[in-house]
Amino acid sequence: EDADQLVFKAIQTYSNKEVVRWIEVPQEGQEEPESPAPVL
């Protein structure tokens, strides 16, 4: 009840062993980061 959003950091793995880390927290008033974390 005391938050406006929840941040869920995610890690995506591909069949070729490539790993993409969606862990950058978007900041209000700034451009979206290259690998933004999912925000609810």
PDB file of all heavy atoms in Angstrom:
ATOM      1  N   GLU A   1       0.818  -1.209   0.000  1.00  0.00           N
ATOM      2  CA  GLU A   1       0.000   0.000   0.000  1.00  0.00           C
ATOM      3  C   GLU A   1       0.854   1.262   0.000  1.00  0.00           C
ATOM      4  O   GLU A   1       0.339   2.357  -0.211  1.00  0.00           O
ATOM      5  CB  GLU A   1      -0.926  -0.003   1.223  1.00  0.00           C
ATOM      6  CG  GLU A   1      -1.879  -1.188   1.260  1.00  0.00           C
ATOM      7  CD  GLU A   1      -2.762  -1.177   2.489  1.00  0.00           C
ATOM      8  OE1 GLU A   1      -2.832  -0.115   3.145  1.00  0.00           O
ATOM      9  OE2 GLU A   1      -3.376  -2.210   2.810  1.00  0.00           O
ATOM     10  N   ASP A   2       2.160   1.096   0.241  1.00  0.00           N
ATOM     11  CA  ASP A   2       3.049   2.257   0.342  1.00  0.00           C
ATOM     12  C   ASP A   2       4.010   2.353  -0.839  1.00  0.00           C
ATOM     13  O   ASP A   2       5.113   2.887  -0.723  1.00  0.00           O
ATOM     14  CB  ASP A   2       3.843   2.187   1.648  1.00  0.00           C
ATOM     15  CG  ASP A   2       4.657   0.902   1.765  1.00  0.00           C
ATOM     16  OD1 ASP A   2       4.444  -0.011   0.937  1.00  0.00           O
ATOM     17  OD2 ASP A   2       5.512   0.828   2.675  1.00  0.00           O
ATOM     18  N   ALA A   3       3.610   1.822  -1.994  1.00  0.00           N
ATOM     19  CA  ALA A   3       4.458   1.889  -3.194  1.00  0.00           C
ATOM     20  C   ALA A   3       3.580   2.118  -4.412  1.00  0.00           C
ATOM     21  O   ALA A   3       2.424   1.707  -4.448  1.00  0.00           O
ATOM     22  CB  ALA A   3       5.272   0.614  -3.350  1.00  0.00           C
ATOM     23  N   ASP A   4       4.146   2.772  -5.416  1.00  0.00           N
ATOM     24  CA  ASP A   4       3.418   3.040  -6.658  1.00  0.00           C
ATOM     25  C   ASP A   4       3.774   2.037  -7.748  1.00  0.00           C
ATOM     26  O   ASP A   4       3.084   1.947  -8.762  1.00  0.00           O
ATOM     27  CB  ASP A   4       3.712   4.452  -7.158  1.00  0.00           C
ATOM     28  CG  ASP A   4       3.199   5.526  -6.215  1.00  0.00           C
ATOM     29  OD1 ASP A   4       2.126   5.324  -5.616  1.00  0.00           O
ATOM     30  OD2 ASP A   4       3.879   6.565  -6.068  1.00  0.00           O
ATOM     31  N   GLN A   5       4.852   1.298  -7.542  1.00  0.00           N
ATOM     32  CA  GLN A   5       5.259   0.327  -8.538  1.00  0.00           C
ATOM     33  C   GLN A   5       6.123  -0.753  -7.905  1.00  0.00           C
ATOM     34  O   GLN A   5       6.671  -0.585  -6.811  1.00  0.00           O
ATOM     35  CB  GLN A   5       6.038   0.995  -9.677  1.00  0.00           C
ATOM     36  CG  GLN A   5       7.351   1.625  -9.226  1.00  0.00           C
ATOM     37  CD  GLN A   5       8.105   2.311 -10.353  1.00  0.00           C
ATOM     38  OE1 GLN A   5       7.498   2.768 -11.330  1.00  0.00           O
ATOM     39  NE2 GLN A   5       9.415   2.380 -10.240  1.00  0.00           N
ATOM     40  N   LEU A   6       6.222  -1.878  -8.601  1.00  0.00           N
ATOM     41  CA  LEU A   6       7.083  -2.981  -8.186  1.00  0.00           C
ATOM     42  C   LEU A   6       8.022  -3.311  -9.347  1.00  0.00           C
ATOM     43  O   LEU A   6       7.590  -3.382 -10.502  1.00  0.00           O
ATOM     44  CB  LEU A   6       6.271  -4.216  -7.811  1.00  0.00           C
ATOM     45  CG  LEU A   6       5.399  -4.130  -6.553  1.00  0.00           C
ATOM     46  CD1 LEU A   6       4.618  -5.425  -6.374  1.00  0.00           C
ATOM     47  CD2 LEU A   6       6.249  -3.844  -5.322  1.00  0.00           C
ATOM     48  N   VAL A   7       9.294  -3.508  -9.033  1.00  0.00           N
ATOM     49  CA  VAL A   7      10.298  -3.810 -10.052  1.00  0.00           C
ATOM     50  C   VAL A   7      10.679  -5.286  -9.961  1.00  0.00           C
ATOM     51  O   VAL A   7      11.009  -5.784  -8.879  1.00  0.00           O
ATOM     52  CB  VAL A   7      11.554  -2.941  -9.884  1.00  0.00           C
ATOM     53  CG1 VAL A   7      12.595  -3.315 -10.932  1.00  0.00           C
ATOM     54  CG2 VAL A   7      11.197  -1.459 -10.005  1.00  0.00           C
ATOM     55  N   PHE A   8      10.589  -5.984 -11.091  1.00  0.00           N
ATOM     56  CA  PHE A   8      10.942  -7.405 -11.163  1.00  0.00           C
ATOM     57  C   PHE A   8      12.131  -7.548 -12.120  1.00  0.00           C
ATOM     58  O   PHE A   8      11.964  -7.399 -13.334  1.00  0.00           O
ATOM     59  CB  PHE A   8       9.769  -8.229 -11.676  1.00  0.00           C
ATOM     60  CG  PHE A   8       8.526  -8.133 -10.839  1.00  0.00           C
ATOM     61  CD1 PHE A   8       7.604  -7.113 -11.053  1.00  0.00           C
ATOM     62  CD2 PHE A   8       8.270  -9.056  -9.840  1.00  0.00           C
ATOM     63  CE1 PHE A   8       6.450  -7.015 -10.287  1.00  0.00           C
ATOM     64  CE2 PHE A   8       7.123  -8.973  -9.068  1.00  0.00           C
ATOM     65  CZ  PHE A   8       6.212  -7.948  -9.289  1.00  0.00           C
ATOM     66  N   LYS A   9      13.297  -7.837 -11.588  1.00  0.00           N
ATOM     67  CA  LYS A   9      14.465  -8.022 -12.446  1.00  0.00           C
ATOM     68  C   LYS A   9      14.420  -9.419 -13.056  1.00  0.00           C
ATOM     69  O   LYS A   9      14.193 -10.409 -12.359  1.00  0.00           O
ATOM     70  CB  LYS A   9      15.743  -7.808 -11.645  1.00  0.00           C
ATOM     71  CG  LYS A   9      15.889  -6.370 -11.136  1.00  0.00           C
ATOM     72  CD  LYS A   9      17.205  -6.155 -10.423  1.00  0.00           C
ATOM     73  CE  LYS A   9      17.323  -4.700  -9.969  1.00  0.00           C
ATOM     74  NZ  LYS A   9      18.626  -4.422  -9.294  1.00  0.00           N
ATOM     75  N   ALA A  10      14.634  -9.480 -14.385  1.00  0.00           N
ATOM     76  CA  ALA A  10      14.486 -10.746 -15.103  1.00  0.00           C
ATOM     77  C   ALA A  10      15.752 -11.096 -15.874  1.00  0.00           C
ATOM     78  O   ALA A  10      16.496 -10.212 -16.321  1.00  0.00           O
ATOM     79  CB  ALA A  10      13.299 -10.666 -16.062  1.00  0.00           C
ATOM     80  N   ILE A  11      15.981 -12.397 -16.031  1.00  0.00           N
ATOM     81  CA  ILE A  11      17.124 -12.899 -16.794  1.00  0.00           C
ATOM     82  C   ILE A  11      16.600 -13.877 -17.834  1.00  0.00           C
ATOM     83  O   ILE A  11      15.929 -14.859 -17.506  1.00  0.00           O
ATOM     84  CB  ILE A  11      18.152 -13.589 -15.877  1.00  0.00           C
ATOM     85  CG1 ILE A  11      18.671 -12.599 -14.826  1.00  0.00           C
ATOM     86  CG2 ILE A  11      19.313 -14.146 -16.704  1.00  0.00           C
ATOM     87  CD1 ILE A  11      19.627 -13.221 -13.829  1.00  0.00           C
ATOM     88  N   GLN A  12      16.894 -13.605 -19.089  1.00  0.00           N
ATOM     89  CA  GLN A  12      16.415 -14.403 -20.220  1.00  0.00           C
ATOM     90  C   GLN A  12      17.583 -15.186 -20.816  1.00  0.00           C
ATOM     91  O   GLN A  12      18.623 -14.613 -21.145  1.00  0.00           O
ATOM     92  CB  GLN A  12      15.788 -13.480 -21.274  1.00  0.00           C
ATOM     93  CG  GLN A  12      15.207 -14.176 -22.482  1.00  0.00           C
ATOM     94  CD  GLN A  12      14.576 -13.170 -23.449  1.00  0.00           C
ATOM     95  OE1 GLN A  12      14.759 -11.963 -23.322  1.00  0.00           O
ATOM     96  NE2 GLN A  12      13.840 -13.676 -24.428  1.00  0.00           N
ATOM     97  N   THR A  13      17.411 -16.508 -20.951  1.00  0.00           N
ATOM     98  CA  THR A  13      18.471 -17.357 -21.499  1.00  0.00           C
ATOM     99  C   THR A  13      18.010 -17.993 -22.807  1.00  0.00           C
ATOM    100  O   THR A  13      16.882 -18.478 -22.906  1.00  0.00           O
ATOM    101  CB  THR A  13      18.854 -18.467 -20.500  1.00  0.00           C
ATOM    102  OG1 THR A  13      19.271 -17.864 -19.270  1.00  0.00           O
ATOM    103  CG2 THR A  13      19.999 -19.304 -21.049  1.00  0.00           C
ATOM    104  N   TYR A  14      18.923 -17.982 -23.803  1.00  0.00           N
ATOM    105  CA  TYR A  14      18.621 -18.542 -25.116  1.00  0.00           C
ATOM    106  C   TYR A  14      19.260 -19.926 -25.292  1.00  0.00           C
ATOM    107  O   TYR A  14      20.143 -20.315 -24.522  1.00  0.00           O
ATOM    108  CB  TYR A  14      19.120 -17.600 -26.220  1.00  0.00           C
ATOM    109  CG  TYR A  14      18.281 -16.355 -26.373  1.00  0.00           C
ATOM    110  CD1 TYR A  14      18.589 -15.200 -25.655  1.00  0.00           C
ATOM    111  CD2 TYR A  14      17.188 -16.320 -27.235  1.00  0.00           C
ATOM    112  CE1 TYR A  14      17.823 -14.053 -25.793  1.00  0.00           C
ATOM    113  CE2 TYR A  14      16.423 -15.180 -27.385  1.00  0.00           C
ATOM    114  CZ  TYR A  14      16.744 -14.047 -26.665  1.00  0.00           C
ATOM    115  OH  TYR A  14      15.982 -12.917 -26.790  1.00  0.00           O
ATOM    116  N   SER A  15      18.800 -20.623 -26.315  1.00  0.00           N
ATOM    117  CA  SER A  15      19.298 -21.978 -26.577  1.00  0.00           C
ATOM    118  C   SER A  15      20.769 -21.993 -26.976  1.00  0.00           C
ATOM    119  O   SER A  15      21.429 -23.026 -26.866  1.00  0.00           O
ATOM    120  CB  SER A  15      18.455 -22.630 -27.689  1.00  0.00           C
ATOM    121  OG  SER A  15      18.453 -21.818 -28.862  1.00  0.00           O
ATOM    122  N   ASN A  16      21.293 -20.853 -27.436  1.00  0.00           N
ATOM    123  CA  ASN A  16      22.717 -20.773 -27.781  1.00  0.00           C
ATOM    124  C   ASN A  16      23.563 -20.321 -26.592  1.00  0.00           C
ATOM    125  O   ASN A  16      24.698 -19.891 -26.755  1.00  0.00           O
ATOM    126  CB  ASN A  16      22.921 -19.832 -28.966  1.00  0.00           C
ATOM    127  CG  ASN A  16      22.446 -18.410 -28.668  1.00  0.00           C
ATOM    128  OD1 ASN A  16      21.987 -18.115 -27.558  1.00  0.00           O
ATOM    129  ND2 ASN A  16      22.559 -17.530 -29.643  1.00  0.00           N
ATOM    130  N   LYS A  17      22.992 -20.374 -25.385  1.00  0.00           N
ATOM    131  CA  LYS A  17      23.662 -20.040 -24.123  1.00  0.00           C
ATOM    132  C   LYS A  17      23.801 -18.538 -23.889  1.00  0.00           C
ATOM    133  O   LYS A  17      24.386 -18.111 -22.892  1.00  0.00           O
ATOM    134  CB  LYS A  17      25.063 -20.693 -24.037  1.00  0.00           C
ATOM    135  CG  LYS A  17      25.058 -22.196 -24.279  1.00  0.00           C
ATOM    136  CD  LYS A  17      24.135 -22.916 -23.310  1.00  0.00           C
ATOM    137  CE  LYS A  17      24.155 -24.429 -23.556  1.00  0.00           C
ATOM    138  NZ  LYS A  17      23.227 -25.165 -22.644  1.00  0.00           N
ATOM    139  N   GLU A  18      23.255 -17.729 -24.784  1.00  0.00           N
ATOM    140  CA  GLU A  18      23.295 -16.275 -24.577  1.00  0.00           C
ATOM    141  C   GLU A  18      22.362 -15.898 -23.420  1.00  0.00           C
ATOM    142  O   GLU A  18      21.260 -16.438 -23.301  1.00  0.00           O
ATOM    143  CB  GLU A  18      22.860 -15.540 -25.838  1.00  0.00           C
ATOM    144  CG  GLU A  18      22.851 -14.026 -25.678  1.00  0.00           C
ATOM    145  CD  GLU A  18      22.302 -13.309 -26.895  1.00  0.00           C
ATOM    146  OE1 GLU A  18      21.908 -13.993 -27.861  1.00  0.00           O
ATOM    147  OE2 GLU A  18      22.257 -12.064 -26.875  1.00  0.00           O
ATOM    148  N   VAL A  19      22.817 -14.979 -22.579  1.00  0.00           N
ATOM    149  CA  VAL A  19      22.033 -14.536 -21.430  1.00  0.00           C
ATOM    150  C   VAL A  19      21.819 -13.031 -21.520  1.00  0.00           C
ATOM    151  O   VAL A  19      22.766 -12.264 -21.717  1.00  0.00           O
ATOM    152  CB  VAL A  19      22.743 -14.875 -20.099  1.00  0.00           C
ATOM    153  CG1 VAL A  19      21.952 -14.322 -18.922  1.00  0.00           C
ATOM    154  CG2 VAL A  19      22.915 -16.378 -19.956  1.00  0.00           C
ATOM    155  N   VAL A  20      20.560 -12.609 -21.406  1.00  0.00           N
ATOM    156  CA  VAL A  20      20.213 -11.180 -21.427  1.00  0.00           C
ATOM    157  C   VAL A  20      19.625 -10.824 -20.070  1.00  0.00           C
ATOM    158  O   VAL A  20      18.655 -11.446 -19.620  1.00  0.00           O
ATOM    159  CB  VAL A  20      19.205 -10.856 -22.546  1.00  0.00           C
ATOM    160  CG1 VAL A  20      18.904  -9.368 -22.561  1.00  0.00           C
ATOM    161  CG2 VAL A  20      19.749 -11.305 -23.900  1.00  0.00           C
ATOM    162  N   ARG A  21      20.214  -9.828 -19.422  1.00  0.00           N
ATOM    163  CA  ARG A  21      19.783  -9.425 -18.076  1.00  0.00           C
ATOM    164  C   ARG A  21      18.935  -8.154 -18.152  1.00  0.00           C
ATOM    165  O   ARG A  21      19.451  -7.070 -18.426  1.00  0.00           O
ATOM    166  CB  ARG A  21      21.015  -9.200 -17.186  1.00  0.00           C
ATOM    167  CG  ARG A  21      21.891 -10.434 -17.077  1.00  0.00           C
ATOM    168  CD  ARG A  21      23.129 -10.182 -16.218  1.00  0.00           C
ATOM    169  NE  ARG A  21      23.992 -11.351 -16.189  1.00  0.00           N
ATOM    170  CZ  ARG A  21      23.821 -12.373 -15.353  1.00  0.00           C
ATOM    171  NH1 ARG A  21      22.848 -12.339 -14.459  1.00  0.00           N
ATOM    172  NH2 ARG A  21      24.638 -13.421 -15.383  1.00  0.00           N
ATOM    173  N   TRP A  22      17.651  -8.318 -17.892  1.00  0.00           N
ATOM    174  CA  TRP A  22      16.724  -7.185 -17.879  1.00  0.00           C
ATOM    175  C   TRP A  22      16.641  -6.677 -16.438  1.00  0.00           C
ATOM    176  O   TRP A  22      15.704  -6.994 -15.711  1.00  0.00           O
ATOM    177  CB  TRP A  22      15.357  -7.604 -18.401  1.00  0.00           C
ATOM    178  CG  TRP A  22      15.414  -8.222 -19.764  1.00  0.00           C
ATOM    179  CD1 TRP A  22      15.365  -9.549 -20.072  1.00  0.00           C
ATOM    180  CD2 TRP A  22      15.531  -7.535 -21.016  1.00  0.00           C
ATOM    181  NE1 TRP A  22      15.447  -9.734 -21.424  1.00  0.00           N
ATOM    182  CE2 TRP A  22      15.549  -8.508 -22.033  1.00  0.00           C
ATOM    183  CE3 TRP A  22      15.621  -6.186 -21.374  1.00  0.00           C
ATOM    184  CZ2 TRP A  22      15.659  -8.187 -23.371  1.00  0.00           C
ATOM    185  CZ3 TRP A  22      15.728  -5.865 -22.711  1.00  0.00           C
ATOM    186  CH2 TRP A  22      15.743  -6.853 -23.696  1.00  0.00           C
ATOM    187  N   ILE A  23      17.646  -5.912 -16.024  1.00  0.00           N
ATOM    188  CA  ILE A  23      17.773  -5.562 -14.607  1.00  0.00           C
ATOM    189  C   ILE A  23      17.947  -4.069 -14.355  1.00  0.00           C
ATOM    190  O   ILE A  23      18.054  -3.637 -13.209  1.00  0.00           O
ATOM    191  CB  ILE A  23      18.959  -6.313 -13.966  1.00  0.00           C
ATOM    192  CG1 ILE A  23      20.267  -5.938 -14.673  1.00  0.00           C
ATOM    193  CG2 ILE A  23      18.737  -7.827 -14.042  1.00  0.00           C
ATOM    194  CD1 ILE A  23      21.496  -6.546 -14.017  1.00  0.00           C
ATOM    195  N   GLU A  24      17.980  -3.257 -15.404  1.00  0.00           N
ATOM    196  CA  GLU A  24      18.166  -1.818 -15.223  1.00  0.00           C
ATOM    197  C   GLU A  24      16.824  -1.170 -14.854  1.00  0.00           C
ATOM    198  O   GLU A  24      15.839  -1.327 -15.573  1.00  0.00           O
ATOM    199  CB  GLU A  24      18.737  -1.177 -16.484  1.00  0.00           C
ATOM    200  CG  GLU A  24      20.115  -1.722 -16.868  1.00  0.00           C
ATOM    201  CD  GLU A  24      20.640  -1.062 -18.122  1.00  0.00           C
ATOM    202  OE1 GLU A  24      20.963   0.135 -18.065  1.00  0.00           O
ATOM    203  OE2 GLU A  24      20.712  -1.748 -19.174  1.00  0.00           O
ATOM    204  N   VAL A  25      16.818  -0.436 -13.749  1.00  0.00           N
ATOM    205  CA  VAL A  25      15.578   0.175 -13.257  1.00  0.00           C
ATOM    206  C   VAL A  25      15.332   1.501 -13.978  1.00  0.00           C
ATOM    207  O   VAL A  25      16.160   2.406 -13.903  1.00  0.00           O
ATOM    208  CB  VAL A  25      15.642   0.414 -11.740  1.00  0.00           C
ATOM    209  CG1 VAL A  25      14.328   1.014 -11.241  1.00  0.00           C
ATOM    210  CG2 VAL A  25      15.936  -0.895 -11.005  1.00  0.00           C
ATOM    211  N   PRO A  26      14.222   1.636 -14.703  1.00  0.00           N
ATOM    212  CA  PRO A  26      13.910   2.907 -15.378  1.00  0.00           C
ATOM    213  C   PRO A  26      13.733   4.026 -14.357  1.00  0.00           C
ATOM    214  O   PRO A  26      13.142   3.839 -13.297  1.00  0.00           O
ATOM    215  CB  PRO A  26      12.596   2.603 -16.112  1.00  0.00           C
ATOM    216  CG  PRO A  26      12.558   1.102 -16.229  1.00  0.00           C
ATOM    217  CD  PRO A  26      13.225   0.593 -14.992  1.00  0.00           C
ATOM    218  N   GLN A  27      14.241   5.216 -14.696  1.00  0.00           N
ATOM    219  CA  GLN A  27      14.129   6.378 -13.827  1.00  0.00           C
ATOM    220  C   GLN A  27      13.205   7.415 -14.454  1.00  0.00           C
ATOM    221  O   GLN A  27      13.299   7.688 -15.657  1.00  0.00           O
ATOM    222  CB  GLN A  27      15.516   6.997 -13.574  1.00  0.00           C
ATOM    223  CG  GLN A  27      16.519   6.043 -12.941  1.00  0.00           C
ATOM    224  CD  GLN A  27      16.117   5.595 -11.554  1.00  0.00           C
ATOM    225  OE1 GLN A  27      15.497   6.351 -10.797  1.00  0.00           O
ATOM    226  NE2 GLN A  27      16.465   4.362 -11.194  1.00  0.00           N
ATOM    227  N   GLU A  28      12.325   7.971 -13.653  1.00  0.00           N
ATOM    228  CA  GLU A  28      11.379   8.959 -14.149  1.00  0.00           C
ATOM    229  C   GLU A  28      12.108  10.177 -14.703  1.00  0.00           C
ATOM    230  O   GLU A  28      13.038  10.686 -14.089  1.00  0.00           O
ATOM    231  CB  GLU A  28      10.427   9.388 -13.032  1.00  0.00           C
ATOM    232  CG  GLU A  28       9.310  10.315 -13.496  1.00  0.00           C
ATOM    233  CD  GLU A  28       8.332  10.640 -12.386  1.00  0.00           C
ATOM    234  OE1 GLU A  28       8.489  10.097 -11.272  1.00  0.00           O
ATOM    235  OE2 GLU A  28       7.406  11.435 -12.642  1.00  0.00           O
ATOM    236  N   GLY A  29      11.689  10.623 -15.881  1.00  0.00           N
ATOM    237  CA  GLY A  29      12.292  11.790 -16.497  1.00  0.00           C
ATOM    238  C   GLY A  29      13.533  11.482 -17.307  1.00  0.00           C
ATOM    239  O   GLY A  29      14.117  12.396 -17.899  1.00  0.00           O
ATOM    240  N   GLN A  30      13.942  10.215 -17.352  1.00  0.00           N
ATOM    241  CA  GLN A  30      15.118   9.831 -18.114  1.00  0.00           C
ATOM    242  C   GLN A  30      14.733   8.857 -19.218  1.00  0.00           C
ATOM    243  O   GLN A  30      13.669   8.245 -19.185  1.00  0.00           O
ATOM    244  CB  GLN A  30      16.169   9.190 -17.193  1.00  0.00           C
ATOM    245  CG  GLN A  30      16.689  10.119 -16.111  1.00  0.00           C
ATOM    246  CD  GLN A  30      17.764   9.459 -15.259  1.00  0.00           C
ATOM    247  OE1 GLN A  30      18.298   8.403 -15.618  1.00  0.00           O
ATOM    248  NE2 GLN A  30      18.094  10.079 -14.136  1.00  0.00           N
ATOM    249  N   GLU A  31      15.621   8.717 -20.211  1.00  0.00           N
ATOM    250  CA  GLU A  31      15.361   7.795 -21.304  1.00  0.00           C
ATOM    251  C   GLU A  31      15.357   6.360 -20.785  1.00  0.00           C
ATOM    252  O   GLU A  31      16.018   6.034 -19.797  1.00  0.00           O
ATOM    253  CB  GLU A  31      16.423   7.948 -22.391  1.00  0.00           C
ATOM    254  CG  GLU A  31      16.375   9.284 -23.126  1.00  0.00           C
ATOM    255  CD  GLU A  31      17.376   9.330 -24.269  1.00  0.00           C
ATOM    256  OE1 GLU A  31      18.098   8.330 -24.459  1.00  0.00           O
ATOM    257  OE2 GLU A  31      17.442  10.358 -24.956  1.00  0.00           O
ATOM    258  N   GLU A  32      14.608   5.519 -21.471  1.00  0.00           N
ATOM    259  CA  GLU A  32      14.539   4.117 -21.078  1.00  0.00           C
ATOM    260  C   GLU A  32      15.906   3.472 -21.229  1.00  0.00           C
ATOM    261  O   GLU A  32      16.578   3.644 -22.254  1.00  0.00           O
ATOM    262  CB  GLU A  32      13.521   3.381 -21.930  1.00  0.00           C
ATOM    263  CG  GLU A  32      13.315   1.930 -21.521  1.00  0.00           C
ATOM    264  CD  GLU A  32      12.275   1.231 -22.363  1.00  0.00           C
ATOM    265  OE1 GLU A  32      12.567   0.975 -23.545  1.00  0.00           O
ATOM    266  OE2 GLU A  32      11.175   0.961 -21.867  1.00  0.00           O
ATOM    267  N   PRO A  33      16.379   2.738 -20.212  1.00  0.00           N
ATOM    268  CA  PRO A  33      17.687   2.083 -20.315  1.00  0.00           C
ATOM    269  C   PRO A  33      17.699   1.018 -21.397  1.00  0.00           C
ATOM    270  O   PRO A  33      16.656   0.592 -21.883  1.00  0.00           O
ATOM    271  CB  PRO A  33      17.890   1.490 -18.920  1.00  0.00           C
ATOM    272  CG  PRO A  33      16.514   1.354 -18.356  1.00  0.00           C
ATOM    273  CD  PRO A  33      15.726   2.498 -18.912  1.00  0.00           C
ATOM    274  N   GLU A  34      18.888   0.567 -21.745  1.00  0.00           N
ATOM    275  CA  GLU A  34      19.031  -0.414 -22.818  1.00  0.00           C
ATOM    276  C   GLU A  34      18.417  -1.761 -22.444  1.00  0.00           C
ATOM    277  O   GLU A  34      17.840  -2.440 -23.282  1.00  0.00           O
ATOM    278  CB  GLU A  34      20.513  -0.600 -23.137  1.00  0.00           C
ATOM    279  CG  GLU A  34      20.774  -1.534 -24.300  1.00  0.00           C
ATOM    280  CD  GLU A  34      22.242  -1.640 -24.650  1.00  0.00           C
ATOM    281  OE1 GLU A  34      23.039  -0.850 -24.104  1.00  0.00           O
ATOM    282  OE2 GLU A  34      22.597  -2.506 -25.471  1.00  0.00           O
ATOM    283  N   SER A  35      18.544  -2.146 -21.174  1.00  0.00           N
ATOM    284  CA  SER A  35      17.990  -3.423 -20.714  1.00  0.00           C
ATOM    285  C   SER A  35      17.088  -3.178 -19.500  1.00  0.00           C
ATOM    286  O   SER A  35      17.448  -3.511 -18.364  1.00  0.00           O
ATOM    287  CB  SER A  35      19.116  -4.398 -20.348  1.00  0.00           C
ATOM    288  OG  SER A  35      19.958  -4.632 -21.456  1.00  0.00           O
ATOM    289  N   PRO A  36      15.908  -2.593 -19.724  1.00  0.00           N
ATOM    290  CA  PRO A  36      15.037  -2.229 -18.596  1.00  0.00           C
ATOM    291  C   PRO A  36      14.427  -3.432 -17.893  1.00  0.00           C
ATOM    292  O   PRO A  36      14.080  -4.436 -18.522  1.00  0.00           O
ATOM    293  CB  PRO A  36      13.951  -1.385 -19.272  1.00  0.00           C
ATOM    294  CG  PRO A  36      13.880  -1.934 -20.661  1.00  0.00           C
ATOM    295  CD  PRO A  36      15.296  -2.276 -21.023  1.00  0.00           C
ATOM    296  N   ALA A  37      14.299  -3.341 -16.579  1.00  0.00           N
ATOM    297  CA  ALA A  37      13.638  -4.375 -15.797  1.00  0.00           C
ATOM    298  C   ALA A  37      12.126  -4.229 -15.936  1.00  0.00           C
ATOM    299  O   ALA A  37      11.620  -3.113 -16.101  1.00  0.00           O
ATOM    300  CB  ALA A  37      14.042  -4.265 -14.332  1.00  0.00           C
ATOM    301  N   PRO A  38      11.375  -5.309 -15.889  1.00  0.00           N
ATOM    302  CA  PRO A  38       9.909  -5.218 -15.916  1.00  0.00           C
ATOM    303  C   PRO A  38       9.402  -4.449 -14.699  1.00  0.00           C
ATOM    304  O   PRO A  38       9.833  -4.713 -13.572  1.00  0.00           O
ATOM    305  CB  PRO A  38       9.455  -6.675 -15.878  1.00  0.00           C
ATOM    306  CG  PRO A  38      10.622  -7.462 -16.380  1.00  0.00           C
ATOM    307  CD  PRO A  38      11.831  -6.723 -15.905  1.00  0.00           C
ATOM    308  N   VAL A  39       8.494  -3.492 -14.925  1.00  0.00           N
ATOM    309  CA  VAL A  39       7.951  -2.665 -13.849  1.00  0.00           C
ATOM    310  C   VAL A  39       6.435  -2.771 -13.845  1.00  0.00           C
ATOM    311  O   VAL A  39       5.790  -2.539 -14.873  1.00  0.00           O
ATOM    312  CB  VAL A  39       8.374  -1.192 -14.010  1.00  0.00           C
ATOM    313  CG1 VAL A  39       7.740  -0.339 -12.911  1.00  0.00           C
ATOM    314  CG2 VAL A  39       9.892  -1.058 -13.964  1.00  0.00           C
ATOM    315  N   LEU A  40       5.865  -3.114 -12.696  1.00  0.00           N
ATOM    316  CA  LEU A  40       4.415  -3.206 -12.542  1.00  0.00           C
ATOM    317  C   LEU A  40       3.906  -1.948 -11.853  1.00  0.00           C
ATOM    318  O   LEU A  40       4.276  -1.656 -10.711  1.00  0.00           O
ATOM    319  CB  LEU A  40       4.048  -4.433 -11.703  1.00  0.00           C
ATOM    320  CG  LEU A  40       2.560  -4.599 -11.368  1.00  0.00           C
ATOM    321  CD1 LEU A  40       1.747  -4.867 -12.634  1.00  0.00           C
ATOM    322  CD2 LEU A  40       2.353  -5.726 -10.354  1.00  0.00           C
TER     323      LEU A  40
END
